PDB file of N, CA and C in Angstrom:
ATOM      1  N   UNK A   1      81.481 105.416  80.959  1.00  0.00           N
ATOM      2  CA  UNK A   1      80.732 105.191  79.744  1.00  0.00           C
ATOM      3  C   UNK A   1      81.695 105.132  78.560  1.00  0.00           C
ATOM      4  N   UNK A   2      81.365 104.246  77.649  1.00  0.00           N
ATOM      5  CA  UNK A   2      82.124 104.118  76.406  1.00  0.00           C
ATOM      6  C   UNK A   2      81.223 104.522  75.250  1.00  0.00           C
ATOM      7  N   UNK A   3      81.839 105.039  74.220  1.00  0.00           N
ATOM      8  CA  UNK A   3      81.124 105.392  73.000  1.00  0.00           C
ATOM      9  C   UNK A   3      81.746 104.633  71.840  1.00  0.00           C
ATOM     10  N   UNK A   4      80.910 104.102  70.987  1.00  0.00           N
ATOM     11  CA  UNK A   4      81.370 103.395  69.802  1.00  0.00           C
ATOM     12  C   UNK A   4      81.678 104.413  68.710  1.00  0.00           C
ATOM     13  N   UNK A   5      82.844 104.309  68.116  1.00  0.00           N
ATOM     14  CA  UNK A   5      83.212 105.236  67.039  1.00  0.00           C
ATOM     15  C   UNK A   5      82.456 104.934  65.746  1.00  0.00           C
ATOM     16  N   UNK A   6      81.934 103.731  65.606  1.00  0.00           N
ATOM     17  CA  UNK A   6      81.222 103.353  64.393  1.00  0.00           C
ATOM     18  C   UNK A   6      79.764 103.824  64.407  1.00  0.00           C
ATOM     19  N   UNK A   7      79.039 103.533  65.491  1.00  0.00           N
ATOM     20  CA  UNK A   7      77.605 103.844  65.526  1.00  0.00           C
ATOM     21  C   UNK A   7      77.236 104.886  66.580  1.00  0.00           C
ATOM     22  N   UNK A   8      78.207 105.354  67.365  1.00  0.00           N
ATOM     23  CA  UNK A   8      78.034 106.381  68.392  1.00  0.00           C
ATOM     24  C   UNK A   8      77.176 105.931  69.588  1.00  0.00           C
ATOM     25  N   UNK A   9      76.917 104.653  69.705  1.00  0.00           N
ATOM     26  CA  UNK A   9      76.139 104.116  70.819  1.00  0.00           C
ATOM     27  C   UNK A   9      76.921 104.290  72.110  1.00  0.00           C
ATOM     28  N   UNK A  10      76.254 104.773  73.156  1.00  0.00           N
ATOM     29  CA  UNK A  10      76.859 104.945  74.475  1.00  0.00           C
ATOM     30  C   UNK A  10      76.416 103.820  75.389  1.00  0.00           C
ATOM     31  N   UNK A  11      77.362 103.256  76.133  1.00  0.00           N
ATOM     32  CA  UNK A  11      77.000 102.175  77.043  1.00  0.00           C
ATOM     33  C   UNK A  11      77.998 102.068  78.175  1.00  0.00           C
ATOM     34  N   UNK A  12      77.536 101.497  79.269  1.00  0.00           N
ATOM     35  CA  UNK A  12      78.376 101.201  80.412  1.00  0.00           C
ATOM     36  C   UNK A  12      78.781  99.743  80.298  1.00  0.00           C
ATOM     37  N   UNK A  13      80.049  99.474  80.230  1.00  0.00           N
ATOM     38  CA  UNK A  13      80.524  98.099  80.017  1.00  0.00           C
ATOM     39  C   UNK A  13      80.162  97.172  81.166  1.00  0.00           C
ATOM     40  N   UNK A  14      79.783  97.713  82.304  1.00  0.00           N
ATOM     41  CA  UNK A  14      79.446  96.875  83.449  1.00  0.00           C
ATOM     42  C   UNK A  14      77.951  96.608  83.555  1.00  0.00           C
ATOM     43  N   UNK A  15      77.163  97.130  82.609  1.00  0.00           N
ATOM     44  CA  UNK A  15      75.711  96.954  82.625  1.00  0.00           C
ATOM     45  C   UNK A  15      75.354  95.629  81.956  1.00  0.00           C
ATOM     46  N   UNK A  16      75.088  94.620  82.758  1.00  0.00           N
ATOM     47  CA  UNK A  16      74.848  93.279  82.211  1.00  0.00           C
ATOM     48  C   UNK A  16      73.556  93.183  81.413  1.00  0.00           C
ATOM     49  N   UNK A  17      72.646  94.148  81.544  1.00  0.00           N
ATOM     50  CA  UNK A  17      71.411  94.106  80.748  1.00  0.00           C
ATOM     51  C   UNK A  17      71.707  94.229  79.257  1.00  0.00           C
ATOM     52  N   UNK A  18      72.812  94.872  78.918  1.00  0.00           N
ATOM     53  CA  UNK A  18      73.191  95.023  77.511  1.00  0.00           C
ATOM     54  C   UNK A  18      73.881  93.773  76.963  1.00  0.00           C
ATOM     55  N   UNK A  19      74.317  92.924  77.873  1.00  0.00           N
ATOM     56  CA  UNK A  19      75.084  91.758  77.480  1.00  0.00           C
ATOM     57  C   UNK A  19      74.422  90.495  78.021  1.00  0.00           C
ATOM     58  N   UNK A  20      73.474  89.903  77.292  1.00  0.00           N
ATOM     59  CA  UNK A  20      72.739  88.738  77.789  1.00  0.00           C
ATOM     60  C   UNK A  20      73.624  87.571  78.205  1.00  0.00           C
ATOM     61  N   UNK A  21      74.764  87.392  77.556  1.00  0.00           N
ATOM     62  CA  UNK A  21      75.629  86.277  77.927  1.00  0.00           C
ATOM     63  C   UNK A  21      76.159  86.428  79.350  1.00  0.00           C
ATOM     64  N   UNK A  22      76.293  87.670  79.833  1.00  0.00           N
ATOM     65  CA  UNK A  22      76.745  87.888  81.213  1.00  0.00           C
ATOM     66  C   UNK A  22      75.679  87.422  82.191  1.00  0.00           C
ATOM     67  N   UNK A  23      74.415  87.653  81.863  1.00  0.00           N
ATOM     68  CA  UNK A  23      73.332  87.215  82.743  1.00  0.00           C
ATOM     69  C   UNK A  23      73.216  85.697  82.741  1.00  0.00           C
ATOM     70  N   UNK A  24      73.333  85.081  81.571  1.00  0.00           N
ATOM     71  CA  UNK A  24      73.227  83.628  81.486  1.00  0.00           C
ATOM     72  C   UNK A  24      74.324  82.953  82.314  1.00  0.00           C
ATOM     73  N   UNK A  25      75.522  83.502  82.225  1.00  0.00           N
ATOM     74  CA  UNK A  25      76.652  82.909  82.925  1.00  0.00           C
ATOM     75  C   UNK A  25      76.749  83.402  84.367  1.00  0.00           C
ATOM     76  N   UNK A  26      75.841  84.313  84.756  1.00  0.00           N
ATOM     77  CA  UNK A  26      75.790  84.859  86.108  1.00  0.00           C
ATOM     78  C   UNK A  26      77.135  85.467  86.506  1.00  0.00           C
ATOM     79  N   UNK A  27      77.694  86.258  85.613  1.00  0.00           N
ATOM     80  CA  UNK A  27      78.958  86.916  85.912  1.00  0.00           C
ATOM     81  C   UNK A  27      78.934  88.317  85.334  1.00  0.00           C
ATOM     82  N   UNK A  28      79.698  89.182  85.927  1.00  0.00           N
ATOM     83  CA  UNK A  28      79.817  90.548  85.431  1.00  0.00           C
ATOM     84  C   UNK A  28      81.234  90.704  84.884  1.00  0.00           C
ATOM     85  N   UNK A  29      81.347  91.253  83.717  1.00  0.00           N
ATOM     86  CA  UNK A  29      82.657  91.465  83.141  1.00  0.00           C
ATOM     87  C   UNK A  29      82.586  92.614  82.152  1.00  0.00           C
ATOM     88  N   UNK A  30      83.726  93.118  81.806  1.00  0.00           N
ATOM     89  CA  UNK A  30      83.779  94.209  80.848  1.00  0.00           C
ATOM     90  C   UNK A  30      84.035  93.636  79.466  1.00  0.00           C
ATOM     91  N   UNK A  31      83.259  94.087  78.528  1.00  0.00           N
ATOM     92  CA  UNK A  31      83.433  93.650  77.146  1.00  0.00           C
ATOM     93  C   UNK A  31      84.114  94.746  76.345  1.00  0.00           C
ATOM     94  N   UNK A  32      84.831  94.362  75.341  1.00  0.00           N
ATOM     95  CA  UNK A  32      85.522  95.306  74.478  1.00  0.00           C
ATOM     96  C   UNK A  32      84.831  95.439  73.135  1.00  0.00           C
ATOM     97  N   UNK A  33      83.516  95.207  73.132  1.00  0.00           N
ATOM     98  CA  UNK A  33      82.733  95.307  71.901  1.00  0.00           C
ATOM     99  C   UNK A  33      81.477  96.125  72.150  1.00  0.00           C
ATOM    100  N   UNK A  34      81.046  96.818  71.129  1.00  0.00           N
ATOM    101  CA  UNK A  34      79.803  97.576  71.206  1.00  0.00           C
ATOM    102  C   UNK A  34      78.627  96.599  71.157  1.00  0.00           C
ATOM    103  N   UNK A  35      77.668  96.723  72.086  1.00  0.00           N
ATOM    104  CA  UNK A  35      76.512  95.826  72.058  1.00  0.00           C
ATOM    105  C   UNK A  35      75.543  96.132  70.912  1.00  0.00           C
ATOM    106  N   UNK A  36      75.712  97.271  70.267  1.00  0.00           N
ATOM    107  CA  UNK A  36      74.824  97.664  69.187  1.00  0.00           C
ATOM    108  C   UNK A  36      75.318  97.155  67.829  1.00  0.00           C
ATOM    109  N   UNK A  37      76.610  97.381  67.519  1.00  0.00           N
ATOM    110  CA  UNK A  37      77.114  97.017  66.185  1.00  0.00           C
ATOM    111  C   UNK A  37      78.273  96.028  66.229  1.00  0.00           C
ATOM    112  N   UNK A  38      78.705  95.645  67.420  1.00  0.00           N
ATOM    113  CA  UNK A  38      79.767  94.657  67.613  1.00  0.00           C
ATOM    114  C   UNK A  38      81.161  95.162  67.250  1.00  0.00           C
ATOM    115  N   UNK A  39      81.324  96.468  67.093  1.00  0.00           N
ATOM    116  CA  UNK A  39      82.622  97.056  66.776  1.00  0.00           C
ATOM    117  C   UNK A  39      83.525  97.046  68.012  1.00  0.00           C
ATOM    118  N   UNK A  40      84.823  96.980  67.781  1.00  0.00           N
ATOM    119  CA  UNK A  40      85.793  97.076  68.873  1.00  0.00           C
ATOM    120  C   UNK A  40      86.432  98.455  68.939  1.00  0.00           C
ATOM    121  N   UNK A  41      86.016  99.363  68.077  1.00  0.00           N
ATOM    122  CA  UNK A  41      86.558 100.717  68.027  1.00  0.00           C
ATOM    123  C   UNK A  41      85.779 101.601  69.001  1.00  0.00           C
ATOM    124  N   UNK A  42      86.200 101.606  70.279  1.00  0.00           N
ATOM    125  CA  UNK A  42      85.496 102.305  71.347  1.00  0.00           C
ATOM    126  C   UNK A  42      86.340 103.438  71.901  1.00  0.00           C
ATOM    127  N   UNK A  43      85.673 104.406  72.514  1.00  0.00           N
ATOM    128  CA  UNK A  43      86.365 105.545  73.103  1.00  0.00           C
ATOM    129  C   UNK A  43      85.621 106.028  74.340  1.00  0.00           C
ATOM    130  N   UNK A  44      86.360 106.600  75.275  1.00  0.00           N
ATOM    131  CA  UNK A  44      85.746 107.263  76.420  1.00  0.00           C
ATOM    132  C   UNK A  44      85.678 108.768  76.188  1.00  0.00           C
ATOM    133  N   UNK A  45      86.200 109.217  75.060  1.00  0.00           N
ATOM    134  CA  UNK A  45      86.250 110.635  74.729  1.00  0.00           C
ATOM    135  C   UNK A  45      85.119 110.968  73.762  1.00  0.00           C
ATOM    136  N   UNK A  46      84.033 111.487  74.297  1.00  0.00           N
ATOM    137  CA  UNK A  46      82.880 111.855  73.487  1.00  0.00           C
ATOM    138  C   UNK A  46      82.271 113.131  74.045  1.00  0.00           C
ATOM    139  N   UNK A  47      81.439 113.777  73.252  1.00  0.00           N
ATOM    140  CA  UNK A  47      80.743 114.970  73.731  1.00  0.00           C
ATOM    141  C   UNK A  47      79.299 114.926  73.266  1.00  0.00           C
ATOM    142  N   UNK A  48      78.436 115.460  74.098  1.00  0.00           N
ATOM    143  CA  UNK A  48      77.017 115.486  73.799  1.00  0.00           C
ATOM    144  C   UNK A  48      76.383 114.116  73.903  1.00  0.00           C
ATOM    145  N   UNK A  49      75.115 114.124  74.239  1.00  0.00           N
ATOM    146  CA  UNK A  49      74.384 112.860  74.376  1.00  0.00           C
ATOM    147  C   UNK A  49      72.939 113.102  73.967  1.00  0.00           C
ATOM    148  N   UNK A  50      72.384 112.136  73.294  1.00  0.00           N
ATOM    149  CA  UNK A  50      70.976 112.189  72.920  1.00  0.00           C
ATOM    150  C   UNK A  50      70.359 110.833  73.252  1.00  0.00           C
ATOM    151  N   UNK A  51      69.146 110.861  73.779  1.00  0.00           N
ATOM    152  CA  UNK A  51      68.415 109.631  74.077  1.00  0.00           C
ATOM    153  C   UNK A  51      67.371 109.416  72.996  1.00  0.00           C
ATOM    154  N   UNK A  52      67.385 108.265  72.401  1.00  0.00           N
ATOM    155  CA  UNK A  52      66.428 107.925  71.352  1.00  0.00           C
ATOM    156  C   UNK A  52      65.459 106.889  71.912  1.00  0.00           C
ATOM    157  N   UNK A  53      64.181 107.256  71.963  1.00  0.00           N
ATOM    158  CA  UNK A  53      63.151 106.348  72.474  1.00  0.00           C
ATOM    159  C   UNK A  53      62.384 105.655  71.351  1.00  0.00           C
ATOM    160  N   UNK A  54      62.153 106.373  70.272  1.00  0.00           N
ATOM    161  CA  UNK A  54      61.400 105.824  69.147  1.00  0.00           C
ATOM    162  C   UNK A  54      62.146 106.159  67.852  1.00  0.00           C
ATOM    163  N   UNK A  55      63.110 105.328  67.472  1.00  0.00           N
ATOM    164  CA  UNK A  55      63.939 105.658  66.310  1.00  0.00           C
ATOM    165  C   UNK A  55      63.179 105.752  64.990  1.00  0.00           C
ATOM    166  N   UNK A  56      62.048 105.086  64.890  1.00  0.00           N
ATOM    167  CA  UNK A  56      61.298 105.111  63.636  1.00  0.00           C
ATOM    168  C   UNK A  56      60.642 106.455  63.361  1.00  0.00           C
ATOM    169  N   UNK A  57      60.258 107.188  64.407  1.00  0.00           N
ATOM    170  CA  UNK A  57      59.580 108.463  64.192  1.00  0.00           C
ATOM    171  C   UNK A  57      60.432 109.665  64.610  1.00  0.00           C
ATOM    172  N   UNK A  58      61.650 109.450  65.026  1.00  0.00           N
ATOM    173  CA  UNK A  58      62.518 110.533  65.491  1.00  0.00           C
ATOM    174  C   UNK A  58      63.325 111.131  64.341  1.00  0.00           C
ATOM    175  N   UNK A  59      63.243 112.439  64.192  1.00  0.00           N
ATOM    176  CA  UNK A  59      64.029 113.139  63.171  1.00  0.00           C
ATOM    177  C   UNK A  59      65.515 113.093  63.527  1.00  0.00           C
ATOM    178  N   UNK A  60      65.825 113.191  64.814  1.00  0.00           N
ATOM    179  CA  UNK A  60      67.225 113.128  65.250  1.00  0.00           C
ATOM    180  C   UNK A  60      67.802 111.751  64.947  1.00  0.00           C
ATOM    181  N   UNK A  61      67.031 110.712  65.192  1.00  0.00           N
ATOM    182  CA  UNK A  61      67.489 109.352  64.896  1.00  0.00           C
ATOM    183  C   UNK A  61      67.772 109.194  63.406  1.00  0.00           C
ATOM    184  N   UNK A  62      66.940 109.772  62.582  1.00  0.00           N
ATOM    185  CA  UNK A  62      67.156 109.682  61.134  1.00  0.00           C
ATOM    186  C   UNK A  62      68.443 110.391  60.731  1.00  0.00           C
ATOM    187  N   UNK A  63      68.708 111.558  61.339  1.00  0.00           N
ATOM    188  CA  UNK A  63      69.940 112.298  61.020  1.00  0.00           C
ATOM    189  C   UNK A  63      71.185 111.565  61.483  1.00  0.00           C
ATOM    190  N   UNK A  64      71.061 110.832  62.591  1.00  0.00           N
ATOM    191  CA  UNK A  64      72.197 110.070  63.114  1.00  0.00           C
ATOM    192  C   UNK A  64      72.255 108.649  62.558  1.00  0.00           C
ATOM    193  N   UNK A  65      71.309 108.287  61.713  1.00  0.00           N
ATOM    194  CA  UNK A  65      71.207 106.927  61.157  1.00  0.00           C
ATOM    195  C   UNK A  65      71.061 105.873  62.255  1.00  0.00           C
ATOM    196  N   UNK A  66      70.211 106.179  63.229  1.00  0.00           N
ATOM    197  CA  UNK A  66      69.982 105.301  64.375  1.00  0.00           C
ATOM    198  C   UNK A  66      68.735 104.461  64.126  1.00  0.00           C
ATOM    199  N   UNK A  67      68.849 103.157  64.379  1.00  0.00           N
ATOM    200  CA  UNK A  67      67.700 102.266  64.202  1.00  0.00           C
ATOM    201  C   UNK A  67      67.307 101.554  65.494  1.00  0.00           C
ATOM    202  N   UNK A  68      68.083 101.749  66.560  1.00  0.00           N
ATOM    203  CA  UNK A  68      67.823 101.089  67.840  1.00  0.00           C
ATOM    204  C   UNK A  68      67.712 102.139  68.938  1.00  0.00           C
ATOM    205  N   UNK A  69      66.747 101.980  69.842  1.00  0.00           N
ATOM    206  CA  UNK A  69      66.621 102.955  70.923  1.00  0.00           C
ATOM    207  C   UNK A  69      67.815 102.831  71.863  1.00  0.00           C
ATOM    208  N   UNK A  70      68.159 103.942  72.510  1.00  0.00           N
ATOM    209  CA  UNK A  70      69.289 103.953  73.435  1.00  0.00           C
ATOM    210  C   UNK A  70      69.922 105.320  73.532  1.00  0.00           C
ATOM    211  N   UNK A  71      71.094 105.358  74.148  1.00  0.00           N
ATOM    212  CA  UNK A  71      71.864 106.591  74.309  1.00  0.00           C
ATOM    213  C   UNK A  71      72.924 106.668  73.227  1.00  0.00           C
ATOM    214  N   UNK A  72      73.076 107.840  72.629  1.00  0.00           N
ATOM    215  CA  UNK A  72      74.057 108.025  71.568  1.00  0.00           C
ATOM    216  C   UNK A  72      74.854 109.296  71.808  1.00  0.00           C
ATOM    217  N   UNK A  73      76.129 109.248  71.485  1.00  0.00           N
ATOM    218  CA  UNK A  73      76.992 110.415  71.559  1.00  0.00           C
ATOM    219  C   UNK A  73      76.808 111.251  70.304  1.00  0.00           C
ATOM    220  N   UNK A  74      76.929 112.553  70.447  1.00  0.00           N
ATOM    221  CA  UNK A  74      76.849 113.415  69.271  1.00  0.00           C
ATOM    222  C   UNK A  74      78.186 113.480  68.548  1.00  0.00           C
ATOM    223  N   UNK A  75      79.282 113.407  69.312  1.00  0.00           N
ATOM    224  CA  UNK A  75      80.620 113.396  68.706  1.00  0.00           C
ATOM    225  C   UNK A  75      81.502 112.437  69.501  1.00  0.00           C
ATOM    226  N   UNK A  76      82.205 111.579  68.796  1.00  0.00           N
ATOM    227  CA  UNK A  76      83.137 110.637  69.424  1.00  0.00           C
ATOM    228  C   UNK A  76      84.518 110.915  68.858  1.00  0.00           C
ATOM    229  N   UNK A  77      85.486 111.070  69.756  1.00  0.00           N
ATOM    230  CA  UNK A  77      86.866 111.309  69.318  1.00  0.00           C
ATOM    231  C   UNK A  77      87.695 110.063  69.523  1.00  0.00           C
TER     232      UNK A  77
END
């Protein structure tokens, strides 16, 4: 799993569901960009995880400035 240092989004680079272009091209590959904010500042060094299902009504999502459902790291180094 990788964590974005900009938005703290957690993702598996091999999960093609996060990357529609991989499905269209029928190939699996690793991307060096966050699927949430498009940042290239990624890390495998993170701690804590929170799952956000409804960012509009979640107090945790508001504190983390999250607007998209998904997995987020609490701290990224």
